[in-house]
Amino acid sequence: QVQLVESGGGLVQAGGSLRLSCAASERTFRTNAMGWFRQSPGKEREFVAAISWKDGETYLSESVQGRFTISRDNAKHTVYLQMNSLKAEDTAVYYCAAQNTQTKGVCCTGDLYAYWGQGTQVTVSS
């Protein structure tokens, strides 16, 4: 079973930046896409961003467009989420997710993703 290991969360002031990383534990890991979701207390998990492993096409939720960027390093089996101009409402636990190779479609619901990380806390102070 592949493990997804996230890093890069923390506390930042509004307007600041953070970069999240997520690495798959197995070198032989193959996926169609990886993405990020987030969940804040009392709210449902929501889609943030996703990237196709084959062609690099990216998908971003409207709430983060223009502020967040998703990228990948295929050789390192790693996906990144660069978060700029952070707002208090971005505060959440951020989860990395990966598809298996049989899934069709990349965006934008959690049921498309078979593997999940443990989550990393992002707190934005206003």
N, C-alpha and C. Protein backbone atom coordinates (compact mmCIF):
# COMPACT_ATOMS: atom_id res chain seq x y z
N GLN A 1 0.85 -1.19 0.00
CA GLN A 1 0.00 0.00 0.00
C GLN A 1 0.89 1.24 0.00
N VAL A 2 0.71 2.10 -0.99
CA VAL A 2 1.52 3.29 -1.07
C VAL A 2 1.14 4.26 0.04
N GLN A 3 2.14 4.95 0.54
CA GLN A 3 1.89 6.00 1.54
C GLN A 3 2.23 7.35 0.93
N LEU A 4 1.43 8.34 1.27
CA LEU A 4 1.67 9.71 0.84
C LEU A 4 2.12 10.50 2.05
N VAL A 5 3.28 11.11 1.96
CA VAL A 5 3.86 11.83 3.09
C VAL A 5 3.86 13.31 2.79
N GLU A 6 3.11 14.08 3.57
CA GLU A 6 2.99 15.52 3.36
C GLU A 6 3.94 16.28 4.28
N SER A 7 4.32 17.45 3.84
CA SER A 7 5.13 18.34 4.67
C SER A 7 4.90 19.78 4.22
N GLY A 8 5.30 20.72 5.07
CA GLY A 8 5.26 22.12 4.68
C GLY A 8 4.18 22.95 5.32
N GLY A 9 3.29 22.35 6.09
CA GLY A 9 2.26 23.14 6.74
C GLY A 9 2.84 23.96 7.87
N GLY A 10 2.01 24.82 8.44
CA GLY A 10 2.46 25.65 9.55
C GLY A 10 1.60 26.85 9.76
N LEU A 11 2.14 27.80 10.52
CA LEU A 11 1.44 29.03 10.85
C LEU A 11 2.04 30.17 10.04
N VAL A 12 1.19 30.96 9.42
CA VAL A 12 1.66 32.08 8.61
C VAL A 12 0.67 33.23 8.75
N GLN A 13 1.16 34.43 8.59
CA GLN A 13 0.28 35.60 8.64
C GLN A 13 -0.46 35.76 7.31
N ALA A 14 -1.60 36.40 7.38
CA ALA A 14 -2.36 36.68 6.16
C ALA A 14 -1.48 37.46 5.19
N GLY A 15 -1.57 37.05 3.92
CA GLY A 15 -0.74 37.65 2.89
C GLY A 15 0.56 36.90 2.65
N GLY A 16 0.88 35.98 3.54
CA GLY A 16 2.11 35.22 3.41
C GLY A 16 1.98 34.02 2.49
N SER A 17 3.04 33.22 2.46
CA SER A 17 3.11 32.06 1.56
C SER A 17 3.58 30.82 2.29
N LEU A 18 3.15 29.70 1.77
CA LEU A 18 3.63 28.39 2.22
C LEU A 18 3.69 27.47 1.01
N ARG A 19 4.57 26.48 1.07
CA ARG A 19 4.59 25.46 0.03
C ARG A 19 4.44 24.09 0.67
N LEU A 20 3.43 23.37 0.25
CA LEU A 20 3.21 22.01 0.72
C LEU A 20 3.83 21.03 -0.27
N SER A 21 4.35 19.95 0.28
CA SER A 21 4.91 18.88 -0.55
C SER A 21 4.24 17.56 -0.17
N CYS A 22 4.16 16.68 -1.14
CA CYS A 22 3.59 15.36 -0.87
C CYS A 22 4.35 14.35 -1.73
N ALA A 23 4.99 13.39 -1.07
CA ALA A 23 5.78 12.39 -1.78
C ALA A 23 5.18 11.01 -1.58
N ALA A 24 5.13 10.26 -2.66
CA ALA A 24 4.70 8.86 -2.57
C ALA A 24 5.86 8.01 -2.10
N SER A 25 5.56 7.06 -1.25
CA SER A 25 6.62 6.29 -0.58
C SER A 25 7.28 5.25 -1.46
N GLU A 26 6.62 4.84 -2.53
CA GLU A 26 7.16 3.77 -3.35
C GLU A 26 7.65 4.29 -4.67
N ARG A 27 8.85 3.86 -5.05
CA ARG A 27 9.43 4.29 -6.32
C ARG A 27 8.64 3.76 -7.51
N THR A 28 7.97 2.64 -7.32
CA THR A 28 7.22 2.02 -8.41
C THR A 28 5.80 2.55 -8.51
N PHE A 29 5.50 3.54 -7.69
CA PHE A 29 4.15 4.07 -7.66
C PHE A 29 3.79 4.69 -8.99
N ARG A 30 2.60 4.34 -9.47
CA ARG A 30 2.09 4.92 -10.71
C ARG A 30 0.72 5.52 -10.43
N THR A 31 0.46 6.66 -11.03
CA THR A 31 -0.80 7.33 -10.78
C THR A 31 -1.24 8.08 -12.03
N ASN A 32 -2.51 8.34 -12.13
CA ASN A 32 -3.03 9.19 -13.20
C ASN A 32 -3.01 10.66 -12.81
N ALA A 33 -3.15 10.91 -11.49
CA ALA A 33 -3.23 12.30 -11.04
C ALA A 33 -3.03 12.36 -9.54
N MET A 34 -2.58 13.50 -9.09
CA MET A 34 -2.50 13.78 -7.66
C MET A 34 -3.16 15.11 -7.39
N GLY A 35 -3.63 15.27 -6.16
CA GLY A 35 -4.34 16.50 -5.85
C GLY A 35 -4.25 16.86 -4.38
N TRP A 36 -4.86 18.00 -4.09
CA TRP A 36 -4.93 18.49 -2.71
C TRP A 36 -6.38 18.80 -2.38
N PHE A 37 -6.77 18.42 -1.17
CA PHE A 37 -8.07 18.75 -0.62
C PHE A 37 -7.83 19.38 0.74
N ARG A 38 -8.83 20.05 1.26
CA ARG A 38 -8.70 20.63 2.60
C ARG A 38 -10.01 20.52 3.35
N GLN A 39 -9.87 20.55 4.66
CA GLN A 39 -11.05 20.50 5.52
C GLN A 39 -10.82 21.35 6.75
N SER A 40 -11.77 22.25 7.00
CA SER A 40 -11.71 23.07 8.21
C SER A 40 -12.79 22.57 9.16
N PRO A 41 -12.66 22.91 10.44
CA PRO A 41 -13.61 22.43 11.45
C PRO A 41 -15.04 22.79 11.10
N GLY A 42 -15.90 21.79 11.16
CA GLY A 42 -17.31 22.03 10.92
C GLY A 42 -17.70 22.10 9.45
N LYS A 43 -16.71 21.92 8.57
CA LYS A 43 -16.99 21.99 7.13
C LYS A 43 -16.65 20.67 6.46
N GLU A 44 -17.25 20.48 5.30
CA GLU A 44 -16.93 19.28 4.54
C GLU A 44 -15.58 19.46 3.83
N ARG A 45 -14.98 18.33 3.52
CA ARG A 45 -13.74 18.37 2.76
C ARG A 45 -14.01 18.97 1.39
N GLU A 46 -13.09 19.83 0.94
CA GLU A 46 -13.28 20.47 -0.36
C GLU A 46 -12.05 20.32 -1.23
N PHE A 47 -12.30 20.28 -2.51
CA PHE A 47 -11.23 20.20 -3.49
C PHE A 47 -10.47 21.51 -3.56
N VAL A 48 -9.16 21.41 -3.69
CA VAL A 48 -8.32 22.60 -3.83
C VAL A 48 -7.64 22.63 -5.19
N ALA A 49 -6.92 21.56 -5.53
CA ALA A 49 -6.16 21.55 -6.77
C ALA A 49 -5.82 20.12 -7.17
N ALA A 50 -5.59 19.92 -8.46
CA ALA A 50 -5.19 18.61 -8.95
C ALA A 50 -4.33 18.77 -10.20
N ILE A 51 -3.52 17.74 -10.47
CA ILE A 51 -2.65 17.80 -11.63
C ILE A 51 -2.58 16.42 -12.28
N SER A 52 -2.72 16.41 -13.59
CA SER A 52 -2.59 15.17 -14.34
C SER A 52 -1.13 14.75 -14.40
N TRP A 53 -0.86 13.48 -14.10
CA TRP A 53 0.54 13.02 -14.12
C TRP A 53 1.04 12.88 -15.55
N LYS A 54 0.15 12.63 -16.48
CA LYS A 54 0.57 12.38 -17.86
C LYS A 54 0.98 13.66 -18.57
N ASP A 55 0.11 14.68 -18.53
CA ASP A 55 0.38 15.87 -19.34
C ASP A 55 0.53 17.14 -18.52
N GLY A 56 0.39 17.03 -17.19
CA GLY A 56 0.60 18.20 -16.34
C GLY A 56 -0.55 19.18 -16.30
N GLU A 57 -1.67 18.83 -16.91
CA GLU A 57 -2.81 19.75 -16.87
C GLU A 57 -3.25 19.94 -15.42
N THR A 58 -3.55 21.18 -15.09
CA THR A 58 -3.88 21.50 -13.71
C THR A 58 -5.32 21.97 -13.57
N TYR A 59 -5.83 21.78 -12.37
CA TYR A 59 -7.19 22.17 -12.03
C TYR A 59 -7.12 22.86 -10.66
N LEU A 60 -7.78 24.00 -10.53
CA LEU A 60 -7.79 24.75 -9.29
C LEU A 60 -9.22 25.15 -8.95
N SER A 61 -9.54 25.11 -7.68
CA SER A 61 -10.85 25.59 -7.27
C SER A 61 -10.91 27.10 -7.46
N GLU A 62 -12.10 27.62 -7.62
CA GLU A 62 -12.24 29.06 -7.84
C GLU A 62 -11.71 29.85 -6.66
N SER A 63 -11.82 29.32 -5.47
CA SER A 63 -11.42 30.06 -4.27
C SER A 63 -9.91 30.26 -4.18
N VAL A 64 -9.14 29.49 -4.93
CA VAL A 64 -7.67 29.62 -4.83
C VAL A 64 -7.03 30.04 -6.15
N GLN A 65 -7.81 30.16 -7.20
CA GLN A 65 -7.24 30.56 -8.49
C GLN A 65 -6.57 31.91 -8.38
N GLY A 66 -5.39 32.00 -8.98
CA GLY A 66 -4.64 33.24 -8.94
C GLY A 66 -3.75 33.36 -7.70
N ARG A 67 -3.93 32.45 -6.74
CA ARG A 67 -3.13 32.50 -5.51
C ARG A 67 -2.33 31.21 -5.30
N PHE A 68 -2.90 30.08 -5.65
CA PHE A 68 -2.25 28.78 -5.46
C PHE A 68 -1.80 28.22 -6.80
N THR A 69 -0.72 27.45 -6.74
CA THR A 69 -0.22 26.76 -7.93
C THR A 69 0.11 25.32 -7.56
N ILE A 70 -0.28 24.38 -8.39
CA ILE A 70 0.07 22.99 -8.18
C ILE A 70 1.08 22.57 -9.24
N SER A 71 2.06 21.80 -8.81
CA SER A 71 3.07 21.31 -9.75
C SER A 71 3.51 19.91 -9.32
N ARG A 72 4.28 19.27 -10.20
CA ARG A 72 4.71 17.89 -9.88
C ARG A 72 6.13 17.67 -10.30
N ASP A 73 6.75 16.68 -9.68
CA ASP A 73 8.06 16.20 -10.09
C ASP A 73 7.89 14.70 -10.27
N ASN A 74 7.75 14.28 -11.52
CA ASN A 74 7.48 12.87 -11.79
C ASN A 74 8.58 11.97 -11.27
N ALA A 75 9.82 12.39 -11.42
CA ALA A 75 10.94 11.54 -11.01
C ALA A 75 10.95 11.31 -9.51
N LYS A 76 10.49 12.30 -8.77
CA LYS A 76 10.48 12.18 -7.31
C LYS A 76 9.12 11.73 -6.77
N HIS A 77 8.17 11.49 -7.68
CA HIS A 77 6.83 11.07 -7.26
C HIS A 77 6.27 12.06 -6.23
N THR A 78 6.44 13.33 -6.51
CA THR A 78 6.10 14.37 -5.55
C THR A 78 5.21 15.41 -6.21
N VAL A 79 4.23 15.89 -5.45
CA VAL A 79 3.38 16.98 -5.89
C VAL A 79 3.53 18.12 -4.90
N TYR A 80 3.46 19.35 -5.42
CA TYR A 80 3.64 20.55 -4.60
C TYR A 80 2.41 21.43 -4.70
N LEU A 81 2.15 22.16 -3.62
CA LEU A 81 1.11 23.18 -3.64
C LEU A 81 1.73 24.47 -3.12
N GLN A 82 1.97 25.40 -4.03
CA GLN A 82 2.48 26.70 -3.65
C GLN A 82 1.30 27.61 -3.34
N MET A 83 1.27 28.12 -2.12
CA MET A 83 0.14 28.93 -1.67
C MET A 83 0.64 30.34 -1.36
N ASN A 84 0.17 31.30 -2.13
CA ASN A 84 0.53 32.70 -1.95
C ASN A 84 -0.69 33.51 -1.54
N SER A 85 -0.44 34.69 -1.03
CA SER A 85 -1.53 35.60 -0.64
C SER A 85 -2.55 34.87 0.23
N LEU A 86 -2.05 34.18 1.22
CA LEU A 86 -2.93 33.38 2.06
C LEU A 86 -3.90 34.25 2.84
N LYS A 87 -5.08 33.68 3.02
CA LYS A 87 -6.15 34.36 3.76
C LYS A 87 -6.54 33.51 4.97
N ALA A 88 -7.19 34.15 5.91
CA ALA A 88 -7.63 33.41 7.11
C ALA A 88 -8.53 32.24 6.73
N GLU A 89 -9.32 32.41 5.69
CA GLU A 89 -10.24 31.34 5.28
C GLU A 89 -9.54 30.16 4.62
N ASP A 90 -8.25 30.27 4.39
CA ASP A 90 -7.48 29.14 3.88
C ASP A 90 -7.06 28.19 5.01
N THR A 91 -7.29 28.61 6.25
CA THR A 91 -6.94 27.76 7.38
C THR A 91 -7.70 26.45 7.32
N ALA A 92 -6.96 25.34 7.37
CA ALA A 92 -7.57 24.02 7.24
C ALA A 92 -6.48 22.96 7.38
N VAL A 93 -6.92 21.72 7.49
CA VAL A 93 -6.01 20.60 7.31
C VAL A 93 -6.00 20.27 5.82
N TYR A 94 -4.81 20.25 5.26
CA TYR A 94 -4.66 19.98 3.83
C TYR A 94 -4.24 18.52 3.63
N TYR A 95 -4.95 17.85 2.74
CA TYR A 95 -4.69 16.44 2.47
C TYR A 95 -4.22 16.25 1.04
N CYS A 96 -3.18 15.50 0.89
CA CYS A 96 -2.70 15.08 -0.42
C CYS A 96 -3.44 13.80 -0.82
N ALA A 97 -3.71 13.66 -2.11
CA ALA A 97 -4.42 12.47 -2.58
C ALA A 97 -3.86 12.04 -3.93
N ALA A 98 -3.95 10.75 -4.20
CA ALA A 98 -3.46 10.23 -5.46
C ALA A 98 -4.43 9.21 -6.03
N GLN A 99 -4.52 9.21 -7.35
CA GLN A 99 -5.36 8.23 -8.01
C GLN A 99 -4.59 6.97 -8.29
N ASN A 100 -5.31 5.88 -8.51
CA ASN A 100 -4.67 4.71 -9.09
C ASN A 100 -4.69 4.88 -10.60
N THR A 101 -4.20 3.90 -11.32
CA THR A 101 -4.06 4.06 -12.77
C THR A 101 -5.32 3.69 -13.54
N GLN A 102 -6.34 3.21 -12.83
CA GLN A 102 -7.57 2.84 -13.52
C GLN A 102 -8.60 3.96 -13.55
N THR A 103 -8.40 4.97 -12.73
CA THR A 103 -9.40 6.04 -12.61
C THR A 103 -9.41 6.92 -13.84
N LYS A 104 -10.62 7.28 -14.28
CA LYS A 104 -10.78 8.21 -15.39
C LYS A 104 -11.26 9.54 -14.84
N GLY A 105 -10.63 10.59 -15.30
CA GLY A 105 -11.01 11.91 -14.81
C GLY A 105 -10.13 12.34 -13.65
N VAL A 106 -9.82 13.61 -13.62
CA VAL A 106 -8.90 14.15 -12.61
C VAL A 106 -9.61 15.02 -11.60
N CYS A 107 -10.60 15.71 -12.05
CA CYS A 107 -11.23 16.73 -11.21
C CYS A 107 -12.69 16.36 -10.96
N CYS A 108 -13.18 16.73 -9.81
CA CYS A 108 -12.62 17.46 -8.69
C CYS A 108 -13.19 16.91 -7.38
N THR A 109 -13.52 15.64 -7.33
CA THR A 109 -14.13 15.08 -6.12
C THR A 109 -13.22 14.03 -5.50
N GLY A 110 -13.38 13.87 -4.19
CA GLY A 110 -12.52 12.96 -3.45
C GLY A 110 -12.68 11.50 -3.82
N ASP A 111 -13.85 11.14 -4.37
CA ASP A 111 -14.06 9.73 -4.69
C ASP A 111 -13.25 9.28 -5.90
N LEU A 112 -12.60 10.20 -6.59
CA LEU A 112 -11.70 9.85 -7.69
C LEU A 112 -10.33 9.44 -7.20
N TYR A 113 -10.08 9.61 -5.91
CA TYR A 113 -8.74 9.39 -5.36
C TYR A 113 -8.72 8.23 -4.40
N ALA A 114 -7.76 7.33 -4.61
CA ALA A 114 -7.72 6.09 -3.83
C ALA A 114 -6.78 6.17 -2.64
N TYR A 115 -5.80 7.04 -2.72
CA TYR A 115 -4.77 7.10 -1.67
C TYR A 115 -4.76 8.49 -1.06
N TRP A 116 -4.59 8.52 0.27
CA TRP A 116 -4.65 9.80 0.99
C TRP A 116 -3.50 9.91 1.98
N GLY A 117 -3.00 11.13 2.14
CA GLY A 117 -2.01 11.41 3.16
C GLY A 117 -2.68 11.63 4.50
N GLN A 118 -1.85 11.86 5.51
CA GLN A 118 -2.36 12.00 6.88
C GLN A 118 -2.86 13.42 7.16
N GLY A 119 -2.52 14.35 6.30
CA GLY A 119 -2.95 15.73 6.47
C GLY A 119 -1.90 16.58 7.15
N THR A 120 -1.85 17.83 6.75
CA THR A 120 -0.95 18.79 7.37
C THR A 120 -1.72 20.08 7.65
N GLN A 121 -1.52 20.62 8.83
CA GLN A 121 -2.29 21.80 9.27
C GLN A 121 -1.69 23.07 8.67
N VAL A 122 -2.55 23.89 8.11
CA VAL A 122 -2.19 25.22 7.66
C VAL A 122 -3.05 26.21 8.42
N THR A 123 -2.40 27.12 9.14
CA THR A 123 -3.13 28.13 9.91
C THR A 123 -2.68 29.50 9.46
N VAL A 124 -3.65 30.32 9.06
CA VAL A 124 -3.36 31.67 8.59
C VAL A 124 -3.96 32.64 9.59
N SER A 125 -3.10 33.43 10.19
CA SER A 125 -3.56 34.39 11.19
C SER A 125 -3.87 35.73 10.52
N SER A 126 -4.95 36.34 10.96
CA SER A 126 -5.35 37.61 10.34
C SER A 126 -4.86 38.79 11.17
